[in-house]
PDB file of N, CA and C in Angstrom:
ATOM      1  N   MET A   1     -18.515 -99.587 -27.479  1.00  0.00           N
ATOM      2  CA  MET A   1     -20.069 -99.643 -27.176  1.00  0.00           C
ATOM      3  C   MET A   1     -20.667-100.576 -27.838  1.00  0.00           C
ATOM      4  N   LEU A   2     -20.201-101.486 -28.828  1.00  0.00           N
ATOM      5  CA  LEU A   2     -21.082-102.896 -28.914  1.00  0.00           C
ATOM      6  C   LEU A   2     -21.117-103.750 -28.066  1.00  0.00           C
ATOM      7  N   ASP A   3     -20.787-104.019 -27.250  1.00  0.00           N
ATOM      8  CA  ASP A   3     -20.610-104.706 -25.968  1.00  0.00           C
ATOM      9  C   ASP A   3     -21.577-104.425 -25.243  1.00  0.00           C
ATOM     10  N   LEU A   4     -22.377-103.263 -24.902  1.00  0.00           N
ATOM     11  CA  LEU A   4     -23.935-102.985 -24.496  1.00  0.00           C
ATOM     12  C   LEU A   4     -24.999-103.389 -24.925  1.00  0.00           C
ATOM     13  N   TYR A   5     -24.984-103.862 -26.529  1.00  0.00           N
ATOM     14  CA  TYR A   5     -25.851-104.171 -27.028  1.00  0.00           C
ATOM     15  C   TYR A   5     -26.506-106.054 -26.811  1.00  0.00           C
ATOM     16  N   GLU A   6     -27.792-106.092 -27.137  1.00  0.00           N
ATOM     17  CA  GLU A   6     -28.212-107.390 -26.756  1.00  0.00           C
ATOM     18  C   GLU A   6     -27.900-108.075 -28.306  1.00  0.00           C
ATOM     19  N   LEU A   7     -27.361-109.441 -28.363  1.00  0.00           N
ATOM     20  CA  LEU A   7     -26.986-110.112 -29.467  1.00  0.00           C
ATOM     21  C   LEU A   7     -27.633-109.900 -30.295  1.00  0.00           C
ATOM     22  N   SER A   8     -29.032-110.205 -30.087  1.00  0.00           N
ATOM     23  CA  SER A   8     -29.721-110.286 -31.421  1.00  0.00           C
ATOM     24  C   SER A   8     -30.059-108.903 -31.639  1.00  0.00           C
ATOM     25  N   ASP A   9     -29.907-107.833 -31.004  1.00  0.00           N
ATOM     26  CA  ASP A   9     -29.907-106.015 -31.575  1.00  0.00           C
ATOM     27  C   ASP A   9     -28.610-105.950 -32.472  1.00  0.00           C
ATOM     28  N   LEU A  10     -27.493-106.526 -31.558  1.00  0.00           N
ATOM     29  CA  LEU A  10     -26.307-106.163 -32.415  1.00  0.00           C
ATOM     30  C   LEU A  10     -26.317-106.823 -33.925  1.00  0.00           C
ATOM     31  N   LYS A  11     -26.914-108.267 -34.167  1.00  0.00           N
ATOM     32  CA  LYS A  11     -26.825-109.059 -35.012  1.00  0.00           C
ATOM     33  C   LYS A  11     -27.530-107.966 -36.111  1.00  0.00           C
ATOM     34  N   ILE A  12     -28.593-107.471 -35.754  1.00  0.00           N
ATOM     35  CA  ILE A  12     -29.594-106.686 -36.913  1.00  0.00           C
ATOM     36  C   ILE A  12     -28.445-105.285 -37.502  1.00  0.00           C
ATOM     37  N   LEU A  13     -27.869-104.401 -36.456  1.00  0.00           N
ATOM     38  CA  LEU A  13     -27.106-103.585 -36.390  1.00  0.00           C
ATOM     39  C   LEU A  13     -25.900-104.161 -37.654  1.00  0.00           C
ATOM     40  N   VAL A  14     -25.471-104.777 -37.169  1.00  0.00           N
ATOM     41  CA  VAL A  14     -24.157-104.908 -37.996  1.00  0.00           C
ATOM     42  C   VAL A  14     -24.634-105.542 -39.311  1.00  0.00           C
ATOM     43  N   GLU A  15     -25.485-106.543 -39.535  1.00  0.00           N
ATOM     44  CA  GLU A  15     -26.043-107.021 -40.902  1.00  0.00           C
ATOM     45  C   GLU A  15     -26.204-105.812 -41.696  1.00  0.00           C
ATOM     46  N   THR A  16     -26.727-104.633 -40.987  1.00  0.00           N
ATOM     47  CA  THR A  16     -27.285-103.745 -41.713  1.00  0.00           C
ATOM     48  C   THR A  16     -26.014-102.810 -42.495  1.00  0.00           C
ATOM     49  N   ILE A  17     -25.445-102.722 -41.653  1.00  0.00           N
ATOM     50  CA  ILE A  17     -24.168-101.885 -42.263  1.00  0.00           C
ATOM     51  C   ILE A  17     -23.085-102.679 -42.958  1.00  0.00           C
ATOM     52  N   PHE A  18     -23.212-104.135 -43.167  1.00  0.00           N
ATOM     53  CA  PHE A  18     -22.416-105.136 -43.976  1.00  0.00           C
ATOM     54  C   PHE A  18     -23.301-104.719 -44.902  1.00  0.00           C
ATOM     55  N   HIS A  19     -24.184-104.948 -45.058  1.00  0.00           N
ATOM     56  CA  HIS A  19     -25.702-104.807 -46.398  1.00  0.00           C
ATOM     57  C   HIS A  19     -24.929-103.267 -46.670  1.00  0.00           C
ATOM     58  N   LYS A  20     -25.228-102.491 -46.402  1.00  0.00           N
ATOM     59  CA  LYS A  20     -24.752-101.152 -46.730  1.00  0.00           C
ATOM     60  C   LYS A  20     -23.764-100.486 -47.372  1.00  0.00           C
ATOM     61  N   VAL A  21     -22.541-101.335 -46.706  1.00  0.00           N
ATOM     62  CA  VAL A  21     -21.239-101.253 -47.163  1.00  0.00           C
ATOM     63  C   VAL A  21     -21.016-102.063 -48.576  1.00  0.00           C
ATOM     64  N   ILE A  22     -21.537-103.333 -48.758  1.00  0.00           N
ATOM     65  CA  ILE A  22     -21.207-104.392 -49.888  1.00  0.00           C
ATOM     66  C   ILE A  22     -22.318-103.885 -51.103  1.00  0.00           C
ATOM     67  N   ARG A  23     -23.531-103.402 -50.942  1.00  0.00           N
ATOM     68  CA  ARG A  23     -24.189-102.545 -51.800  1.00  0.00           C
ATOM     69  C   ARG A  23     -24.023-101.661 -52.643  1.00  0.00           C
ATOM     70  N   LYS A  24     -23.289-100.603 -51.561  1.00  0.00           N
ATOM     71  CA  LYS A  24     -22.886 -99.102 -52.106  1.00  0.00           C
ATOM     72  C   LYS A  24     -21.692 -98.542 -52.252  1.00  0.00           C
ATOM     73  N   LYS A  25     -21.503 -98.143 -53.269  1.00  0.00           N
ATOM     74  CA  LYS A  25     -19.856 -97.587 -53.093  1.00  0.00           C
ATOM     75  C   LYS A  25     -19.324 -97.108 -51.808  1.00  0.00           C
ATOM     76  N   THR A  26     -19.416 -97.399 -51.274  1.00  0.00           N
ATOM     77  CA  THR A  26     -18.444 -96.661 -49.953  1.00  0.00           C
ATOM     78  C   THR A  26     -17.143 -96.301 -49.854  1.00  0.00           C
ATOM     79  N   ASN A  27     -16.486 -94.925 -49.259  1.00  0.00           N
ATOM     80  CA  ASN A  27     -15.110 -94.883 -49.304  1.00  0.00           C
ATOM     81  C   ASN A  27     -14.626 -95.996 -48.279  1.00  0.00           C
ATOM     82  N   GLU A  28     -12.923 -95.791 -48.673  1.00  0.00           N
ATOM     83  CA  GLU A  28     -12.506 -96.671 -48.194  1.00  0.00           C
ATOM     84  C   GLU A  28     -12.216 -96.025 -46.371  1.00  0.00           C
ATOM     85  N   ARG A  29     -12.487 -95.353 -46.195  1.00  0.00           N
ATOM     86  CA  ARG A  29     -12.765 -94.697 -45.057  1.00  0.00           C
ATOM     87  C   ARG A  29     -14.098 -95.498 -43.821  1.00  0.00           C
ATOM     88  N   SER A  30     -15.139 -95.511 -44.774  1.00  0.00           N
ATOM     89  CA  SER A  30     -16.601 -96.233 -44.527  1.00  0.00           C
ATOM     90  C   SER A  30     -16.022 -97.528 -44.373  1.00  0.00           C
ATOM     91  N   MET A  31     -15.394 -97.890 -44.840  1.00  0.00           N
ATOM     92  CA  MET A  31     -15.277 -99.547 -45.083  1.00  0.00           C
ATOM     93  C   MET A  31     -14.244 -99.700 -43.907  1.00  0.00           C
ATOM     94  N   GLN A  32     -13.479 -99.122 -43.759  1.00  0.00           N
ATOM     95  CA  GLN A  32     -12.211 -99.239 -42.678  1.00  0.00           C
ATOM     96  C   GLN A  32     -12.902 -99.613 -41.174  1.00  0.00           C
ATOM     97  N   LEU A  33     -14.325 -98.704 -40.941  1.00  0.00           N
ATOM     98  CA  LEU A  33     -14.682 -98.607 -40.056  1.00  0.00           C
ATOM     99  C   LEU A  33     -15.606 -99.919 -39.834  1.00  0.00           C
ATOM    100  N   ALA A  34     -16.366 -99.834 -41.039  1.00  0.00           N
ATOM    101  CA  ALA A  34     -16.837-101.533 -40.775  1.00  0.00           C
ATOM    102  C   ALA A  34     -16.248-102.813 -41.017  1.00  0.00           C
ATOM    103  N   ALA A  35     -15.091-102.346 -41.193  1.00  0.00           N
ATOM    104  CA  ALA A  35     -14.495-103.795 -40.927  1.00  0.00           C
ATOM    105  C   ALA A  35     -13.826-103.900 -39.633  1.00  0.00           C
ATOM    106  N   GLN A  36     -13.848-103.247 -38.681  1.00  0.00           N
ATOM    107  CA  GLN A  36     -13.443-102.483 -37.430  1.00  0.00           C
ATOM    108  C   GLN A  36     -14.803-103.237 -36.603  1.00  0.00           C
ATOM    109  N   ILE A  37     -15.853-102.507 -36.981  1.00  0.00           N
ATOM    110  CA  ILE A  37     -17.186-103.295 -36.309  1.00  0.00           C
ATOM    111  C   ILE A  37     -17.197-104.648 -36.537  1.00  0.00           C
ATOM    112  N   ALA A  38     -16.951-105.155 -37.722  1.00  0.00           N
ATOM    113  CA  ALA A  38     -16.894-106.614 -37.922  1.00  0.00           C
ATOM    114  C   ALA A  38     -15.968-107.144 -36.722  1.00  0.00           C
ATOM    115  N   LEU A  39     -14.906-106.608 -36.757  1.00  0.00           N
ATOM    116  CA  LEU A  39     -13.637-107.370 -35.903  1.00  0.00           C
ATOM    117  C   LEU A  39     -13.988-107.612 -34.308  1.00  0.00           C
ATOM    118  N   LYS A  40     -14.980-106.205 -34.311  1.00  0.00           N
ATOM    119  CA  LYS A  40     -15.138-106.076 -32.686  1.00  0.00           C
ATOM    120  C   LYS A  40     -16.529-107.313 -32.550  1.00  0.00           C
ATOM    121  N   TYR A  41     -17.541-107.068 -33.785  1.00  0.00           N
ATOM    122  CA  TYR A  41     -18.345-107.897 -33.798  1.00  0.00           C
ATOM    123  C   TYR A  41     -18.609-109.880 -33.278  1.00  0.00           C
ATOM    124  N   LEU A  42     -17.191-109.940 -33.995  1.00  0.00           N
ATOM    125  CA  LEU A  42     -16.577-111.466 -34.416  1.00  0.00           C
ATOM    126  C   LEU A  42     -16.242-111.648 -32.833  1.00  0.00           C
ATOM    127  N   GLU A  43     -15.540-110.526 -32.136  1.00  0.00           N
ATOM    128  CA  GLU A  43     -14.781-111.091 -30.722  1.00  0.00           C
ATOM    129  C   GLU A  43     -15.875-111.304 -29.802  1.00  0.00           C
ATOM    130  N   ILE A  44     -17.017-110.565 -29.890  1.00  0.00           N
ATOM    131  CA  ILE A  44     -18.215-110.256 -29.175  1.00  0.00           C
ATOM    132  C   ILE A  44     -18.759-112.079 -28.873  1.00  0.00           C
ATOM    133  N   CYS A  45     -18.826-112.037 -30.245  1.00  0.00           N
ATOM    134  CA  CYS A  45     -19.732-113.517 -31.153  1.00  0.00           C
ATOM    135  C   CYS A  45     -18.720-114.881 -30.525  1.00  0.00           C
ATOM    136  N   CYS A  46     -17.661-114.808 -30.431  1.00  0.00           N
ATOM    137  CA  CYS A  46     -16.740-115.647 -29.776  1.00  0.00           C
ATOM    138  C   CYS A  46     -16.928-115.717 -28.290  1.00  0.00           C
ATOM    139  N   LYS A  47     -16.899-114.640 -27.792  1.00  0.00           N
ATOM    140  CA  LYS A  47     -16.852-114.326 -26.019  1.00  0.00           C
ATOM    141  C   LYS A  47     -18.365-114.745 -25.560  1.00  0.00           C
ATOM    142  N   ARG A  48     -19.248-115.116 -26.389  1.00  0.00           N
ATOM    143  CA  ARG A  48     -20.740-115.284 -25.958  1.00  0.00           C
ATOM    144  C   ARG A  48     -21.051-116.441 -26.679  1.00  0.00           C
ATOM    145  N   GLN A  49     -20.215-117.324 -27.685  1.00  0.00           N
ATOM    146  CA  GLN A  49     -20.056-118.699 -28.230  1.00  0.00           C
ATOM    147  C   GLN A  49     -21.361-118.233 -28.512  1.00  0.00           C
ATOM    148  N   THR A  50     -21.893-117.229 -29.835  1.00  0.00           N
ATOM    149  CA  THR A  50     -23.063-117.838 -30.510  1.00  0.00           C
ATOM    150  C   THR A  50     -23.058-118.588 -31.741  1.00  0.00           C
ATOM    151  N   LYS A  51     -23.756-118.926 -32.277  1.00  0.00           N
ATOM    152  CA  LYS A  51     -24.125-119.484 -33.536  1.00  0.00           C
ATOM    153  C   LYS A  51     -22.917-119.552 -34.508  1.00  0.00           C
ATOM    154  N   ASN A  52     -22.438-120.671 -35.254  1.00  0.00           N
ATOM    155  CA  ASN A  52     -21.246-119.934 -36.545  1.00  0.00           C
ATOM    156  C   ASN A  52     -22.170-119.354 -37.594  1.00  0.00           C
ATOM    157  N   SER A  53     -23.661-119.468 -37.504  1.00  0.00           N
ATOM    158  CA  SER A  53     -23.802-118.686 -38.590  1.00  0.00           C
ATOM    159  C   SER A  53     -23.292-117.174 -38.370  1.00  0.00           C
ATOM    160  N   GLU A  54     -23.785-116.449 -37.468  1.00  0.00           N
ATOM    161  CA  GLU A  54     -23.621-114.995 -37.295  1.00  0.00           C
ATOM    162  C   GLU A  54     -21.751-114.881 -37.594  1.00  0.00           C
ATOM    163  N   ILE A  55     -20.969-115.690 -37.116  1.00  0.00           N
ATOM    164  CA  ILE A  55     -19.709-115.362 -37.190  1.00  0.00           C
ATOM    165  C   ILE A  55     -19.207-115.155 -38.567  1.00  0.00           C
ATOM    166  N   LYS A  56     -19.626-116.541 -39.132  1.00  0.00           N
ATOM    167  CA  LYS A  56     -19.498-116.726 -40.640  1.00  0.00           C
ATOM    168  C   LYS A  56     -20.137-115.691 -41.452  1.00  0.00           C
ATOM    169  N   ASN A  57     -20.731-114.563 -40.969  1.00  0.00           N
ATOM    170  CA  ASN A  57     -21.096-113.776 -42.082  1.00  0.00           C
ATOM    171  C   ASN A  57     -20.456-112.775 -41.702  1.00  0.00           C
ATOM    172  N   ALA A  58     -19.964-112.677 -40.599  1.00  0.00           N
ATOM    173  CA  ALA A  58     -18.783-111.539 -40.374  1.00  0.00           C
ATOM    174  C   ALA A  58     -17.509-111.538 -41.157  1.00  0.00           C
ATOM    175  N   ILE A  59     -17.187-112.887 -41.075  1.00  0.00           N
ATOM    176  CA  ILE A  59     -16.215-113.447 -41.650  1.00  0.00           C
ATOM    177  C   ILE A  59     -15.940-113.500 -43.221  1.00  0.00           C
ATOM    178  N   ALA A  60     -17.553-113.905 -43.741  1.00  0.00           N
ATOM    179  CA  ALA A  60     -17.633-113.021 -45.679  1.00  0.00           C
ATOM    180  C   ALA A  60     -17.226-111.912 -45.760  1.00  0.00           C
ATOM    181  N   PHE A  61     -18.096-110.768 -44.774  1.00  0.00           N
ATOM    182  CA  PHE A  61     -17.855-110.091 -45.360  1.00  0.00           C
ATOM    183  C   PHE A  61     -16.564-109.446 -45.161  1.00  0.00           C
ATOM    184  N   LEU A  62     -15.633-109.631 -43.766  1.00  0.00           N
ATOM    185  CA  LEU A  62     -14.105-108.901 -44.127  1.00  0.00           C
ATOM    186  C   LEU A  62     -13.806-109.572 -45.335  1.00  0.00           C
ATOM    187  N   GLN A  63     -13.544-111.052 -45.746  1.00  0.00           N
ATOM    188  CA  GLN A  63     -12.847-111.375 -47.188  1.00  0.00           C
ATOM    189  C   GLN A  63     -13.482-110.871 -47.953  1.00  0.00           C
ATOM    190  N   LYS A  64     -14.678-110.059 -47.882  1.00  0.00           N
ATOM    191  CA  LYS A  64     -14.833-109.306 -49.320  1.00  0.00           C
ATOM    192  C   LYS A  64     -14.260-107.896 -49.352  1.00  0.00           C
ATOM    193  N   LEU A  65     -13.313-107.436 -48.386  1.00  0.00           N
ATOM    194  CA  LEU A  65     -12.993-105.972 -48.318  1.00  0.00           C
ATOM    195  C   LEU A  65     -11.738-105.979 -49.862  1.00  0.00           C
ATOM    196  N   PRO A  66     -11.270-105.325 -49.875  1.00  0.00           N
ATOM    197  CA  PRO A  66     -10.622-105.050 -51.189  1.00  0.00           C
ATOM    198  C   PRO A  66      -8.856-105.562 -50.400  1.00  0.00           C
ATOM    199  N   LYS A  67      -8.522-105.985 -51.802  1.00  0.00           N
ATOM    200  CA  LYS A  67      -7.166-107.162 -51.427  1.00  0.00           C
ATOM    201  C   LYS A  67      -6.224-105.926 -51.240  1.00  0.00           C
ATOM    202  N   THR A  68      -5.965-104.787 -50.426  1.00  0.00           N
ATOM    203  CA  THR A  68      -4.739-103.951 -50.202  1.00  0.00           C
ATOM    204  C   THR A  68      -4.484-103.967 -48.998  1.00  0.00           C
ATOM    205  N   THR A  69      -3.019-103.138 -48.821  1.00  0.00           N
ATOM    206  CA  THR A  69      -2.953-103.397 -47.312  1.00  0.00           C
ATOM    207  C   THR A  69      -3.617-102.585 -46.479  1.00  0.00           C
ATOM    208  N   ASN A  70      -4.467-101.595 -46.718  1.00  0.00           N
ATOM    209  CA  ASN A  70      -5.136-101.081 -45.647  1.00  0.00           C
ATOM    210  C   ASN A  70      -5.845-102.205 -45.400  1.00  0.00           C
ATOM    211  N   PHE A  71      -6.397-102.952 -45.731  1.00  0.00           N
ATOM    212  CA  PHE A  71      -7.018-104.162 -45.392  1.00  0.00           C
ATOM    213  C   PHE A  71      -6.989-105.318 -45.296  1.00  0.00           C
ATOM    214  N   ALA A  72      -5.033-105.085 -45.261  1.00  0.00           N
ATOM    215  CA  ALA A  72      -4.372-106.719 -44.432  1.00  0.00           C
ATOM    216  C   ALA A  72      -4.955-107.232 -43.459  1.00  0.00           C
ATOM    217  N   ILE A  73      -4.976-106.333 -42.024  1.00  0.00           N
ATOM    218  CA  ILE A  73      -4.696-106.730 -41.332  1.00  0.00           C
ATOM    219  C   ILE A  73      -6.557-107.489 -40.636  1.00  0.00           C
ATOM    220  N   HIS A  74      -7.396-106.940 -41.139  1.00  0.00           N
ATOM    221  CA  HIS A  74      -8.728-107.138 -41.193  1.00  0.00           C
ATOM    222  C   HIS A  74      -8.748-108.608 -41.853  1.00  0.00           C
ATOM    223  N   ARG A  75      -8.158-108.798 -42.922  1.00  0.00           N
ATOM    224  CA  ARG A  75      -8.414-110.117 -43.629  1.00  0.00           C
ATOM    225  C   ARG A  75      -7.729-111.143 -42.457  1.00  0.00           C
ATOM    226  N   ILE A  76      -6.504-111.214 -42.337  1.00  0.00           N
ATOM    227  CA  ILE A  76      -5.582-111.669 -41.241  1.00  0.00           C
ATOM    228  C   ILE A  76      -6.447-112.029 -40.331  1.00  0.00           C
ATOM    229  N   ALA A  77      -7.182-111.089 -39.753  1.00  0.00           N
ATOM    230  CA  ALA A  77      -7.653-111.375 -38.845  1.00  0.00           C
ATOM    231  C   ALA A  77      -9.395-112.326 -38.769  1.00  0.00           C
ATOM    232  N   ALA A  78      -9.815-112.064 -39.741  1.00  0.00           N
ATOM    233  CA  ALA A  78     -11.103-112.712 -40.306  1.00  0.00           C
ATOM    234  C   ALA A  78     -10.306-114.528 -40.579  1.00  0.00           C
ATOM    235  N   GLU A  79      -9.329-114.935 -41.081  1.00  0.00           N
ATOM    236  CA  GLU A  79      -8.640-115.760 -41.427  1.00  0.00           C
ATOM    237  C   GLU A  79      -8.648-116.387 -39.591  1.00  0.00           C
ATOM    238  N   TYR A  80      -7.959-115.827 -38.980  1.00  0.00           N
ATOM    239  CA  TYR A  80      -7.975-116.407 -37.655  1.00  0.00           C
ATOM    240  C   TYR A  80      -9.363-116.803 -36.940  1.00  0.00           C
ATOM    241  N   TYR A  81     -10.646-115.849 -37.447  1.00  0.00           N
ATOM    242  CA  TYR A  81     -11.439-116.584 -36.823  1.00  0.00           C
ATOM    243  C   TYR A  81     -12.137-117.538 -37.588  1.00  0.00           C
ATOM    244  N   ASN A  82     -11.774-117.774 -38.641  1.00  0.00           N
ATOM    245  CA  ASN A  82     -12.659-118.649 -39.499  1.00  0.00           C
ATOM    246  C   ASN A  82     -12.025-120.297 -39.235  1.00  0.00           C
ATOM    247  N   LYS A  83     -10.375-119.696 -38.986  1.00  0.00           N
ATOM    248  CA  LYS A  83      -9.911-121.206 -38.085  1.00  0.00           C
ATOM    249  C   LYS A  83     -10.552-121.535 -36.873  1.00  0.00           C
ATOM    250  N   LEU A  84     -10.231-120.854 -36.004  1.00  0.00           N
ATOM    251  CA  LEU A  84     -11.611-120.982 -34.725  1.00  0.00           C
ATOM    252  C   LEU A  84     -12.738-121.688 -34.807  1.00  0.00           C
ATOM    253  N   VAL A  85     -13.397-120.791 -35.932  1.00  0.00           N
ATOM    254  CA  VAL A  85     -14.722-121.628 -35.819  1.00  0.00           C
ATOM    255  C   VAL A  85     -14.866-123.032 -36.683  1.00  0.00           C
ATOM    256  N   ASN A  86     -13.870-123.413 -37.892  1.00  0.00           N
ATOM    257  CA  ASN A  86     -13.474-124.612 -38.057  1.00  0.00           C
ATOM    258  C   ASN A  86     -12.651-125.373 -37.500  1.00  0.00           C
ATOM    259  N   HIS A  87     -12.588-125.140 -35.835  1.00  0.00           N
ATOM    260  CA  HIS A  87     -11.941-125.854 -34.633  1.00  0.00           C
ATOM    261  C   HIS A  87     -10.434-126.248 -35.354  1.00  0.00           C
ATOM    262  N   ASP A  88      -9.885-125.162 -35.863  1.00  0.00           N
ATOM    263  CA  ASP A  88      -8.244-125.713 -36.224  1.00  0.00           C
ATOM    264  C   ASP A  88      -7.705-124.733 -35.051  1.00  0.00           C
ATOM    265  N   GLN A  89      -7.724-124.890 -33.927  1.00  0.00           N
ATOM    266  CA  GLN A  89      -6.659-124.288 -32.855  1.00  0.00           C
ATOM    267  C   GLN A  89      -5.131-123.985 -33.391  1.00  0.00           C
ATOM    268  N   GLU A  90      -4.406-124.950 -33.873  1.00  0.00           N
ATOM    269  CA  GLU A  90      -3.281-125.303 -34.260  1.00  0.00           C
ATOM    270  C   GLU A  90      -3.233-124.000 -35.720  1.00  0.00           C
ATOM    271  N   GLY A  91      -3.922-123.699 -36.954  1.00  0.00           N
ATOM    272  CA  GLY A  91      -3.881-122.618 -37.277  1.00  0.00           C
ATOM    273  C   GLY A  91      -4.272-121.559 -36.802  1.00  0.00           C
ATOM    274  N   ALA A  92      -5.020-121.149 -35.944  1.00  0.00           N
ATOM    275  CA  ALA A  92      -5.570-119.996 -35.409  1.00  0.00           C
ATOM    276  C   ALA A  92      -4.291-119.370 -34.401  1.00  0.00           C
ATOM    277  N   ASP A  93      -3.610-120.837 -33.652  1.00  0.00           N
ATOM    278  CA  ASP A  93      -2.394-120.191 -32.771  1.00  0.00           C
ATOM    279  C   ASP A  93      -1.161-119.324 -33.824  1.00  0.00           C
ATOM    280  N   LYS A  94      -1.101-120.129 -34.688  1.00  0.00           N
ATOM    281  CA  LYS A  94       0.240-119.796 -35.836  1.00  0.00           C
ATOM    282  C   LYS A  94      -0.506-118.421 -36.182  1.00  0.00           C
ATOM    283  N   ILE A  95      -1.421-118.031 -36.772  1.00  0.00           N
ATOM    284  CA  ILE A  95      -1.754-116.534 -36.999  1.00  0.00           C
ATOM    285  C   ILE A  95      -1.735-115.814 -35.614  1.00  0.00           C
ATOM    286  N   ALA A  96      -2.121-115.962 -34.802  1.00  0.00           N
ATOM    287  CA  ALA A  96      -1.964-115.526 -33.022  1.00  0.00           C
ATOM    288  C   ALA A  96      -0.704-115.023 -33.080  1.00  0.00           C
ATOM    289  N   ASN A  97       0.470-116.112 -33.239  1.00  0.00           N
ATOM    290  CA  ASN A  97       1.596-115.812 -33.194  1.00  0.00           C
ATOM    291  C   ASN A  97       2.426-115.014 -33.996  1.00  0.00           C
ATOM    292  N   LEU A  98       1.863-114.946 -35.228  1.00  0.00           N
ATOM    293  CA  LEU A  98       2.336-114.088 -36.419  1.00  0.00           C
ATOM    294  C   LEU A  98       1.795-112.708 -36.066  1.00  0.00           C
ATOM    295  N   LEU A  99       0.837-112.318 -35.339  1.00  0.00           N
ATOM    296  CA  LEU A  99       0.657-110.981 -35.159  1.00  0.00           C
ATOM    297  C   LEU A  99       1.438-110.896 -34.323  1.00  0.00           C
ATOM    298  N   VAL A 100       1.652-111.036 -33.167  1.00  0.00           N
ATOM    299  CA  VAL A 100       2.327-111.051 -32.045  1.00  0.00           C
ATOM    300  C   VAL A 100       2.970-110.443 -32.026  1.00  0.00           C
ATOM    301  N   ARG A 101       4.086-111.354 -33.057  1.00  0.00           N
ATOM    302  CA  ARG A 101       5.540-111.045 -33.576  1.00  0.00           C
ATOM    303  C   ARG A 101       5.798-109.995 -34.270  1.00  0.00           C
ATOM    304  N   ASN A 102       5.045-109.725 -34.835  1.00  0.00           N
ATOM    305  CA  ASN A 102       5.165-108.215 -35.949  1.00  0.00           C
ATOM    306  C   ASN A 102       4.373-107.009 -35.349  1.00  0.00           C
TER     307      ASN A 102
END
């Protein structure tokens, strides 16, 4: 559904969600939903070739998630997008291959 939004509207929506989740002590289910939204947002930003600042905000949000097994895949995906943004294709490919194998 996020694909239907204009990028400027989507940016406002996603940043609002990030802000609410970070500032308020939300439950784990809400954080998981926000993490899924962040990953979809990153996918959309990369497809539409947006500014790195939007991508970096989503990556930063994912990196702030708890360091638990429930959020491990989200944090790995954040590192994958971080490699892409920093033009480290080899590093991104290693992460992608790791995920495909498992």
